[in-house]
């Protein structure tokens, strides 16, 4: 049963398959959520990244959770004004803790 979708937005110096996203995607998947990790590596412009996120998320009736790390936190926060997610999580994890 699909409980919703978790959409990950990576930071300026990482990518859509980074350690934080990979680990959290496993947790989300185990909890019954589908997962989308948007690739922003084509641009360093935060507002362009917001546009890419808004284009990537299809409006639907399923629960939406946005997760952002570093600049992805900004992107998720700004996009949340349009997407109205059920949850918004902003991350900052030191690399040496992983």
PDB file of N, CA and C in Angstrom:
ATOM      1  N   UNK A   1       0.844  -1.180   0.000  1.00  0.00           N
ATOM      2  CA  UNK A   1       0.000   0.000   0.000  1.00  0.00           C
ATOM      3  C   UNK A   1       0.890   1.245   0.000  1.00  0.00           C
ATOM      4  N   UNK A   2       0.662   2.156  -0.937  1.00  0.00           N
ATOM      5  CA  UNK A   2       1.427   3.384  -1.009  1.00  0.00           C
ATOM      6  C   UNK A   2       0.856   4.394  -0.018  1.00  0.00           C
ATOM      7  N   UNK A   3       1.677   4.763   0.966  1.00  0.00           N
ATOM      8  CA  UNK A   3       1.239   5.725   1.978  1.00  0.00           C
ATOM      9  C   UNK A   3       1.448   7.157   1.541  1.00  0.00           C
ATOM     10  N   UNK A   4       2.138   7.359   0.428  1.00  0.00           N
ATOM     11  CA  UNK A   4       2.424   8.697  -0.045  1.00  0.00           C
ATOM     12  C   UNK A   4       3.768   8.721  -0.737  1.00  0.00           C
ATOM     13  N   UNK A   5       4.280   9.933  -0.929  1.00  0.00           N
ATOM     14  CA  UNK A   5       5.562  10.082  -1.593  1.00  0.00           C
ATOM     15  C   UNK A   5       6.459  11.009  -0.774  1.00  0.00           C
ATOM     16  N   UNK A   6       7.713  10.612  -0.674  1.00  0.00           N
ATOM     17  CA  UNK A   6       8.735  11.440  -0.044  1.00  0.00           C
ATOM     18  C   UNK A   6       9.628  11.956  -1.163  1.00  0.00           C
ATOM     19  N   UNK A   7       9.770  13.275  -1.245  1.00  0.00           N
ATOM     20  CA  UNK A   7      10.572  13.896  -2.289  1.00  0.00           C
ATOM     21  C   UNK A   7      11.808  14.531  -1.644  1.00  0.00           C
ATOM     22  N   UNK A   8      12.976  14.035  -2.046  1.00  0.00           N
ATOM     23  CA  UNK A   8      14.246  14.505  -1.502  1.00  0.00           C
ATOM     24  C   UNK A   8      14.860  15.562  -2.403  1.00  0.00           C
ATOM     25  N   UNK A   9      15.384  16.619  -1.784  1.00  0.00           N
ATOM     26  CA  UNK A   9      16.120  17.662  -2.494  1.00  0.00           C
ATOM     27  C   UNK A   9      17.509  17.763  -1.878  1.00  0.00           C
ATOM     28  N   UNK A  10      18.517  17.467  -2.697  1.00  0.00           N
ATOM     29  CA  UNK A  10      19.888  17.458  -2.205  1.00  0.00           C
ATOM     30  C   UNK A  10      20.474  18.867  -2.150  1.00  0.00           C
ATOM     31  N   UNK A  11      21.609  18.978  -1.483  1.00  0.00           N
ATOM     32  CA  UNK A  11      22.289  20.252  -1.336  1.00  0.00           C
ATOM     33  C   UNK A  11      23.176  20.603  -2.516  1.00  0.00           C
ATOM     34  N   UNK A  12      23.831  21.743  -2.381  1.00  0.00           N
ATOM     35  CA  UNK A  12      24.654  22.279  -3.463  1.00  0.00           C
ATOM     36  C   UNK A  12      25.847  21.392  -3.789  1.00  0.00           C
ATOM     37  N   UNK A  13      26.399  20.730  -2.798  1.00  0.00           N
ATOM     38  CA  UNK A  13      27.623  19.958  -3.015  1.00  0.00           C
ATOM     39  C   UNK A  13      27.408  18.448  -3.008  1.00  0.00           C
ATOM     40  N   UNK A  14      26.174  18.022  -3.120  1.00  0.00           N
ATOM     41  CA  UNK A  14      25.910  16.579  -3.178  1.00  0.00           C
ATOM     42  C   UNK A  14      25.055  16.295  -4.404  1.00  0.00           C
ATOM     43  N   UNK A  15      24.461  15.125  -4.434  1.00  0.00           N
ATOM     44  CA  UNK A  15      23.655  14.752  -5.586  1.00  0.00           C
ATOM     45  C   UNK A  15      22.443  13.949  -5.176  1.00  0.00           C
ATOM     46  N   UNK A  16      21.654  13.515  -6.138  1.00  0.00           N
ATOM     47  CA  UNK A  16      20.400  12.822  -5.854  1.00  0.00           C
ATOM     48  C   UNK A  16      20.579  11.410  -5.287  1.00  0.00           C
ATOM     49  N   UNK A  17      21.794  10.914  -5.227  1.00  0.00           N
ATOM     50  CA  UNK A  17      22.045   9.574  -4.675  1.00  0.00           C
ATOM     51  C   UNK A  17      23.024   9.632  -3.507  1.00  0.00           C
ATOM     52  N   UNK A  18      23.038  10.746  -2.795  1.00  0.00           N
ATOM     53  CA  UNK A  18      23.952  10.932  -1.671  1.00  0.00           C
ATOM     54  C   UNK A  18      23.626  10.012  -0.499  1.00  0.00           C
ATOM     55  N   UNK A  19      24.528   9.980   0.462  1.00  0.00           N
ATOM     56  CA  UNK A  19      24.395   9.094   1.622  1.00  0.00           C
ATOM     57  C   UNK A  19      23.138   9.366   2.426  1.00  0.00           C
ATOM     58  N   UNK A  20      22.863  10.633   2.742  1.00  0.00           N
ATOM     59  CA  UNK A  20      21.674  10.964   3.542  1.00  0.00           C
ATOM     60  C   UNK A  20      20.407  10.511   2.818  1.00  0.00           C
ATOM     61  N   UNK A  21      20.325  10.851   1.554  1.00  0.00           N
ATOM     62  CA  UNK A  21      19.126  10.522   0.777  1.00  0.00           C
ATOM     63  C   UNK A  21      18.973   9.015   0.633  1.00  0.00           C
ATOM     64  N   UNK A  22      20.055   8.325   0.364  1.00  0.00           N
ATOM     65  CA  UNK A  22      19.992   6.873   0.195  1.00  0.00           C
ATOM     66  C   UNK A  22      19.486   6.188   1.462  1.00  0.00           C
ATOM     67  N   UNK A  23      20.020   6.593   2.587  1.00  0.00           N
ATOM     68  CA  UNK A  23      19.589   5.977   3.858  1.00  0.00           C
ATOM     69  C   UNK A  23      18.147   6.312   4.193  1.00  0.00           C
ATOM     70  N   UNK A  24      17.771   7.561   4.018  1.00  0.00           N
ATOM     71  CA  UNK A  24      16.397   7.946   4.316  1.00  0.00           C
ATOM     72  C   UNK A  24      15.401   7.351   3.329  1.00  0.00           C
ATOM     73  N   UNK A  25      15.821   7.181   2.078  1.00  0.00           N
ATOM     74  CA  UNK A  25      14.941   6.556   1.084  1.00  0.00           C
ATOM     75  C   UNK A  25      14.634   5.118   1.471  1.00  0.00           C
ATOM     76  N   UNK A  26      15.607   4.418   2.027  1.00  0.00           N
ATOM     77  CA  UNK A  26      15.366   3.047   2.489  1.00  0.00           C
ATOM     78  C   UNK A  26      14.331   3.023   3.601  1.00  0.00           C
ATOM     79  N   UNK A  27      14.436   3.958   4.529  1.00  0.00           N
ATOM     80  CA  UNK A  27      13.466   4.034   5.629  1.00  0.00           C
ATOM     81  C   UNK A  27      12.077   4.355   5.078  1.00  0.00           C
ATOM     82  N   UNK A  28      11.996   5.353   4.206  1.00  0.00           N
ATOM     83  CA  UNK A  28      10.698   5.733   3.635  1.00  0.00           C
ATOM     84  C   UNK A  28      10.072   4.568   2.879  1.00  0.00           C
ATOM     85  N   UNK A  29      10.886   3.871   2.078  1.00  0.00           N
ATOM     86  CA  UNK A  29      10.387   2.716   1.332  1.00  0.00           C
ATOM     87  C   UNK A  29       9.877   1.623   2.242  1.00  0.00           C
ATOM     88  N   UNK A  30      10.608   1.359   3.316  1.00  0.00           N
ATOM     89  CA  UNK A  30      10.177   0.329   4.280  1.00  0.00           C
ATOM     90  C   UNK A  30       8.874   0.707   4.979  1.00  0.00           C
ATOM     91  N   UNK A  31       8.586   1.994   5.053  1.00  0.00           N
ATOM     92  CA  UNK A  31       7.348   2.456   5.674  1.00  0.00           C
ATOM     93  C   UNK A  31       6.188   2.567   4.681  1.00  0.00           C
ATOM     94  N   UNK A  32       6.431   2.182   3.425  1.00  0.00           N
ATOM     95  CA  UNK A  32       5.365   2.158   2.431  1.00  0.00           C
ATOM     96  C   UNK A  32       5.245   3.404   1.580  1.00  0.00           C
ATOM     97  N   UNK A  33       6.230   4.289   1.628  1.00  0.00           N
ATOM     98  CA  UNK A  33       6.200   5.498   0.812  1.00  0.00           C
ATOM     99  C   UNK A  33       6.989   5.271  -0.470  1.00  0.00           C
ATOM    100  N   UNK A  34       6.530   5.852  -1.560  1.00  0.00           N
ATOM    101  CA  UNK A  34       7.360   5.892  -2.752  1.00  0.00           C
ATOM    102  C   UNK A  34       8.339   7.055  -2.572  1.00  0.00           C
ATOM    103  N   UNK A  35       9.418   7.026  -3.336  1.00  0.00           N
ATOM    104  CA  UNK A  35      10.496   7.982  -3.136  1.00  0.00           C
ATOM    105  C   UNK A  35      10.882   8.612  -4.463  1.00  0.00           C
ATOM    106  N   UNK A  36      11.112   9.919  -4.440  1.00  0.00           N
ATOM    107  CA  UNK A  36      11.620  10.644  -5.590  1.00  0.00           C
ATOM    108  C   UNK A  36      12.781  11.497  -5.106  1.00  0.00           C
ATOM    109  N   UNK A  37      13.893  11.422  -5.791  1.00  0.00           N
ATOM    110  CA  UNK A  37      15.051  12.263  -5.483  1.00  0.00           C
ATOM    111  C   UNK A  37      15.354  13.089  -6.735  1.00  0.00           C
ATOM    112  N   UNK A  38      15.090  14.376  -6.631  1.00  0.00           N
ATOM    113  CA  UNK A  38      15.239  15.269  -7.782  1.00  0.00           C
ATOM    114  C   UNK A  38      16.724  15.560  -8.007  1.00  0.00           C
ATOM    115  N   UNK A  39      17.145  15.547  -9.254  1.00  0.00           N
ATOM    116  CA  UNK A  39      18.530  15.830  -9.624  1.00  0.00           C
ATOM    117  C   UNK A  39      18.668  17.308  -9.982  1.00  0.00           C
ATOM    118  N   UNK A  40      19.396  18.038  -9.144  1.00  0.00           N
ATOM    119  CA  UNK A  40      19.604  19.468  -9.361  1.00  0.00           C
ATOM    120  C   UNK A  40      21.017  19.782  -9.839  1.00  0.00           C
ATOM    121  N   UNK A  41      21.783  18.790 -10.218  1.00  0.00           N
ATOM    122  CA  UNK A  41      23.189  19.014 -10.547  1.00  0.00           C
ATOM    123  C   UNK A  41      23.379  19.890 -11.789  1.00  0.00           C
ATOM    124  N   UNK A  42      22.338  20.151 -12.542  1.00  0.00           N
ATOM    125  CA  UNK A  42      22.459  20.988 -13.743  1.00  0.00           C
ATOM    126  C   UNK A  42      22.521  22.478 -13.413  1.00  0.00           C
ATOM    127  N   UNK A  43      22.214  22.854 -12.163  1.00  0.00           N
ATOM    128  CA  UNK A  43      22.208  24.266 -11.818  1.00  0.00           C
ATOM    129  C   UNK A  43      22.560  24.481 -10.342  1.00  0.00           C
ATOM    130  N   UNK A  44      23.238  25.591 -10.076  1.00  0.00           N
ATOM    131  CA  UNK A  44      23.535  25.982  -8.700  1.00  0.00           C
ATOM    132  C   UNK A  44      22.579  27.077  -8.234  1.00  0.00           C
ATOM    133  N   UNK A  45      21.695  27.525  -9.111  1.00  0.00           N
ATOM    134  CA  UNK A  45      20.759  28.592  -8.782  1.00  0.00           C
ATOM    135  C   UNK A  45      19.610  28.042  -7.941  1.00  0.00           C
ATOM    136  N   UNK A  46      19.452  28.535  -6.708  1.00  0.00           N
ATOM    137  CA  UNK A  46      18.405  27.984  -5.834  1.00  0.00           C
ATOM    138  C   UNK A  46      16.994  28.140  -6.385  1.00  0.00           C
ATOM    139  N   UNK A  47      16.720  29.263  -7.025  1.00  0.00           N
ATOM    140  CA  UNK A  47      15.365  29.465  -7.543  1.00  0.00           C
ATOM    141  C   UNK A  47      15.083  28.591  -8.765  1.00  0.00           C
ATOM    142  N   UNK A  48      16.100  28.297  -9.544  1.00  0.00           N
ATOM    143  CA  UNK A  48      15.949  27.344 -10.649  1.00  0.00           C
ATOM    144  C   UNK A  48      15.669  25.947 -10.085  1.00  0.00           C
ATOM    145  N   UNK A  49      16.302  25.630  -8.973  1.00  0.00           N
ATOM    146  CA  UNK A  49      16.051  24.338  -8.322  1.00  0.00           C
ATOM    147  C   UNK A  49      14.612  24.252  -7.814  1.00  0.00           C
ATOM    148  N   UNK A  50      14.088  25.347  -7.297  1.00  0.00           N
ATOM    149  CA  UNK A  50      12.679  25.371  -6.875  1.00  0.00           C
ATOM    150  C   UNK A  50      11.789  25.064  -8.077  1.00  0.00           C
ATOM    151  N   UNK A  51      12.081  25.701  -9.221  1.00  0.00           N
ATOM    152  CA  UNK A  51      11.291  25.457 -10.430  1.00  0.00           C
ATOM    153  C   UNK A  51      11.346  23.984 -10.830  1.00  0.00           C
ATOM    154  N   UNK A  52      12.545  23.386 -10.748  1.00  0.00           N
ATOM    155  CA  UNK A  52      12.690  21.967 -11.096  1.00  0.00           C
ATOM    156  C   UNK A  52      11.874  21.080 -10.160  1.00  0.00           C
ATOM    157  N   UNK A  53      11.864  21.412  -8.875  1.00  0.00           N
ATOM    158  CA  UNK A  53      11.079  20.624  -7.920  1.00  0.00           C
ATOM    159  C   UNK A  53       9.587  20.754  -8.222  1.00  0.00           C
ATOM    160  N   UNK A  54       9.133  21.965  -8.482  1.00  0.00           N
ATOM    161  CA  UNK A  54       7.712  22.158  -8.787  1.00  0.00           C
ATOM    162  C   UNK A  54       7.305  21.407 -10.048  1.00  0.00           C
ATOM    163  N   UNK A  55       8.202  21.310 -11.010  1.00  0.00           N
ATOM    164  CA  UNK A  55       7.914  20.546 -12.233  1.00  0.00           C
ATOM    165  C   UNK A  55       7.925  19.048 -11.984  1.00  0.00           C
ATOM    166  N   UNK A  56       8.726  18.594 -11.028  1.00  0.00           N
ATOM    167  CA  UNK A  56       8.893  17.157 -10.791  1.00  0.00           C
ATOM    168  C   UNK A  56       7.747  16.530 -10.003  1.00  0.00           C
ATOM    169  N   UNK A  57       7.050  17.317  -9.213  1.00  0.00           N
ATOM    170  CA  UNK A  57       6.005  16.774  -8.334  1.00  0.00           C
ATOM    171  C   UNK A  57       4.647  16.953  -8.992  1.00  0.00           C
ATOM    172  N   UNK A  58       4.000  15.831  -9.251  1.00  0.00           N
ATOM    173  CA  UNK A  58       2.663  15.829  -9.836  1.00  0.00           C
ATOM    174  C   UNK A  58       1.623  16.033  -8.729  1.00  0.00           C
ATOM    175  N   UNK A  59       0.683  16.929  -8.932  1.00  0.00           N
ATOM    176  CA  UNK A  59      -0.391  17.066  -7.939  1.00  0.00           C
ATOM    177  C   UNK A  59      -1.164  15.749  -7.817  1.00  0.00           C
ATOM    178  N   UNK A  60      -1.442  15.355  -6.603  1.00  0.00           N
ATOM    179  CA  UNK A  60      -2.203  14.122  -6.384  1.00  0.00           C
ATOM    180  C   UNK A  60      -2.848  14.165  -5.006  1.00  0.00           C
ATOM    181  N   UNK A  61      -3.588  13.115  -4.715  1.00  0.00           N
ATOM    182  CA  UNK A  61      -4.262  13.035  -3.424  1.00  0.00           C
ATOM    183  C   UNK A  61      -3.445  12.281  -2.372  1.00  0.00           C
ATOM    184  N   UNK A  62      -2.265  11.771  -2.753  1.00  0.00           N
ATOM    185  CA  UNK A  62      -1.462  11.036  -1.783  1.00  0.00           C
ATOM    186  C   UNK A  62      -0.705  12.011  -0.894  1.00  0.00           C
ATOM    187  N   UNK A  63      -0.318  11.521   0.274  1.00  0.00           N
ATOM    188  CA  UNK A  63       0.450  12.358   1.196  1.00  0.00           C
ATOM    189  C   UNK A  63       1.796  12.719   0.578  1.00  0.00           C
ATOM    190  N   UNK A  64       2.190  13.946   0.752  1.00  0.00           N
ATOM    191  CA  UNK A  64       3.451  14.450   0.225  1.00  0.00           C
ATOM    192  C   UNK A  64       4.333  14.900   1.381  1.00  0.00           C
ATOM    193  N   UNK A  65       5.560  14.404   1.387  1.00  0.00           N
ATOM    194  CA  UNK A  65       6.553  14.826   2.374  1.00  0.00           C
ATOM    195  C   UNK A  65       7.768  15.336   1.610  1.00  0.00           C
ATOM    196  N   UNK A  66       8.166  16.572   1.874  1.00  0.00           N
ATOM    197  CA  UNK A  66       9.359  17.144   1.277  1.00  0.00           C
ATOM    198  C   UNK A  66      10.503  17.067   2.272  1.00  0.00           C
ATOM    199  N   UNK A  67      11.667  16.641   1.788  1.00  0.00           N
ATOM    200  CA  UNK A  67      12.863  16.544   2.623  1.00  0.00           C
ATOM    201  C   UNK A  67      13.977  17.270   1.895  1.00  0.00           C
ATOM    202  N   UNK A  68      14.636  18.190   2.599  1.00  0.00           N
ATOM    203  CA  UNK A  68      15.722  18.931   1.982  1.00  0.00           C
ATOM    204  C   UNK A  68      16.940  18.991   2.866  1.00  0.00           C
ATOM    205  N   UNK A  69      18.098  18.920   2.224  1.00  0.00           N
ATOM    206  CA  UNK A  69      19.365  19.000   2.923  1.00  0.00           C
ATOM    207  C   UNK A  69      20.161  20.178   2.372  1.00  0.00           C
ATOM    208  N   UNK A  70      20.676  21.012   3.250  1.00  0.00           N
ATOM    209  CA  UNK A  70      21.484  22.160   2.846  1.00  0.00           C
ATOM    210  C   UNK A  70      20.654  23.043   1.920  1.00  0.00           C
ATOM    211  N   UNK A  71      21.148  23.356   0.713  1.00  0.00           N
ATOM    212  CA  UNK A  71      20.374  24.183  -0.209  1.00  0.00           C
ATOM    213  C   UNK A  71      19.047  23.523  -0.549  1.00  0.00           C
ATOM    214  N   UNK A  72      18.988  22.203  -0.488  1.00  0.00           N
ATOM    215  CA  UNK A  72      17.733  21.493  -0.709  1.00  0.00           C
ATOM    216  C   UNK A  72      16.694  21.837   0.339  1.00  0.00           C
ATOM    217  N   UNK A  73      17.140  22.239   1.521  1.00  0.00           N
ATOM    218  CA  UNK A  73      16.221  22.711   2.552  1.00  0.00           C
ATOM    219  C   UNK A  73      15.527  23.997   2.127  1.00  0.00           C
ATOM    220  N   UNK A  74      16.313  24.899   1.553  1.00  0.00           N
ATOM    221  CA  UNK A  74      15.741  26.135   1.011  1.00  0.00           C
ATOM    222  C   UNK A  74      14.747  25.802  -0.106  1.00  0.00           C
ATOM    223  N   UNK A  75      15.178  24.948  -1.016  1.00  0.00           N
ATOM    224  CA  UNK A  75      14.351  24.576  -2.165  1.00  0.00           C
ATOM    225  C   UNK A  75      13.034  23.971  -1.692  1.00  0.00           C
ATOM    226  N   UNK A  76      13.093  23.042  -0.752  1.00  0.00           N
ATOM    227  CA  UNK A  76      11.874  22.397  -0.245  1.00  0.00           C
ATOM    228  C   UNK A  76      10.972  23.387   0.471  1.00  0.00           C
ATOM    229  N   UNK A  77      11.572  24.294   1.236  1.00  0.00           N
ATOM    230  CA  UNK A  77      10.780  25.277   1.973  1.00  0.00           C
ATOM    231  C   UNK A  77      10.042  26.221   1.033  1.00  0.00           C
ATOM    232  N   UNK A  78      10.745  26.745   0.046  1.00  0.00           N
ATOM    233  CA  UNK A  78      10.098  27.662  -0.902  1.00  0.00           C
ATOM    234  C   UNK A  78       9.019  26.931  -1.707  1.00  0.00           C
ATOM    235  N   UNK A  79       9.331  25.732  -2.173  1.00  0.00           N
ATOM    236  CA  UNK A  79       8.354  24.962  -2.960  1.00  0.00           C
ATOM    237  C   UNK A  79       7.140  24.569  -2.123  1.00  0.00           C
ATOM    238  N   UNK A  80       7.324  24.424  -0.815  1.00  0.00           N
ATOM    239  CA  UNK A  80       6.204  24.014   0.036  1.00  0.00           C
ATOM    240  C   UNK A  80       5.076  25.034   0.037  1.00  0.00           C
ATOM    241  N   UNK A  81       5.386  26.277  -0.287  1.00  0.00           N
ATOM    242  CA  UNK A  81       4.346  27.305  -0.350  1.00  0.00           C
ATOM    243  C   UNK A  81       3.343  27.011  -1.471  1.00  0.00           C
ATOM    244  N   UNK A  82       3.809  26.338  -2.530  1.00  0.00           N
ATOM    245  CA  UNK A  82       2.931  25.959  -3.645  1.00  0.00           C
ATOM    246  C   UNK A  82       2.411  24.538  -3.494  1.00  0.00           C
ATOM    247  N   UNK A  83       3.269  23.640  -3.018  1.00  0.00           N
ATOM    248  CA  UNK A  83       2.916  22.216  -2.984  1.00  0.00           C
ATOM    249  C   UNK A  83       2.085  21.830  -1.760  1.00  0.00           C
ATOM    250  N   UNK A  84       2.148  22.619  -0.711  1.00  0.00           N
ATOM    251  CA  UNK A  84       1.402  22.364   0.530  1.00  0.00           C
ATOM    252  C   UNK A  84       1.560  20.918   1.006  1.00  0.00           C
ATOM    253  N   UNK A  85       2.790  20.508   1.315  1.00  0.00           N
ATOM    254  CA  UNK A  85       3.027  19.118   1.725  1.00  0.00           C
ATOM    255  C   UNK A  85       2.436  18.810   3.098  1.00  0.00           C
ATOM    256  N   UNK A  86       2.268  17.526   3.362  1.00  0.00           N
ATOM    257  CA  UNK A  86       1.833  17.080   4.679  1.00  0.00           C
ATOM    258  C   UNK A  86       2.970  17.143   5.687  1.00  0.00           C
ATOM    259  N   UNK A  87       4.199  17.124   5.187  1.00  0.00           N
ATOM    260  CA  UNK A  87       5.368  17.211   6.056  1.00  0.00           C
ATOM    261  C   UNK A  87       6.516  17.882   5.336  1.00  0.00           C
ATOM    262  N   UNK A  88       7.358  18.582   6.095  1.00  0.00           N
ATOM    263  CA  UNK A  88       8.538  19.247   5.562  1.00  0.00           C
ATOM    264  C   UNK A  88       9.673  19.012   6.548  1.00  0.00           C
ATOM    265  N   UNK A  89      10.730  18.308   6.093  1.00  0.00           N
ATOM    266  CA  UNK A  89      11.867  18.003   6.952  1.00  0.00           C
ATOM    267  C   UNK A  89      13.123  18.621   6.365  1.00  0.00           C
ATOM    268  N   UNK A  90      13.839  19.359   7.201  1.00  0.00           N
ATOM    269  CA  UNK A  90      15.072  20.008   6.786  1.00  0.00           C
ATOM    270  C   UNK A  90      16.222  19.343   7.526  1.00  0.00           C
ATOM    271  N   UNK A  91      17.251  18.963   6.775  1.00  0.00           N
ATOM    272  CA  UNK A  91      18.344  18.174   7.344  1.00  0.00           C
ATOM    273  C   UNK A  91      19.671  18.902   7.300  1.00  0.00           C
ATOM    274  N   UNK A  92      20.457  18.637   8.309  1.00  0.00           N
ATOM    275  CA  UNK A  92      21.868  18.988   8.291  1.00  0.00           C
ATOM    276  C   UNK A  92      22.558  17.929   9.150  1.00  0.00           C
ATOM    277  N   UNK A  93      23.288  17.051   8.490  1.00  0.00           N
ATOM    278  CA  UNK A  93      23.995  15.989   9.186  1.00  0.00           C
ATOM    279  C   UNK A  93      25.469  16.104   8.841  1.00  0.00           C
ATOM    280  N   UNK A  94      26.294  16.109   9.855  1.00  0.00           N
ATOM    281  CA  UNK A  94      27.734  16.175   9.603  1.00  0.00           C
ATOM    282  C   UNK A  94      28.202  14.871   8.978  1.00  0.00           C
ATOM    283  N   UNK A  95      29.070  14.988   7.979  1.00  0.00           N
ATOM    284  CA  UNK A  95      29.554  13.826   7.242  1.00  0.00           C
ATOM    285  C   UNK A  95      30.260  12.817   8.151  1.00  0.00           C
ATOM    286  N   UNK A  96      30.969  13.283   9.171  1.00  0.00           N
ATOM    287  CA  UNK A  96      31.714  12.364  10.024  1.00  0.00           C
ATOM    288  C   UNK A  96      30.808  11.546  10.938  1.00  0.00           C
ATOM    289  N   UNK A  97      29.531  11.891  11.014  1.00  0.00           N
ATOM    290  CA  UNK A  97      28.576  11.127  11.825  1.00  0.00           C
ATOM    291  C   UNK A  97      28.041   9.931  11.044  1.00  0.00           C
ATOM    292  N   UNK A  98      28.023  10.040   9.725  1.00  0.00           N
ATOM    293  CA  UNK A  98      27.486   8.977   8.891  1.00  0.00           C
ATOM    294  C   UNK A  98      28.465   7.818   8.850  1.00  0.00           C
TER     295      UNK A  98
END
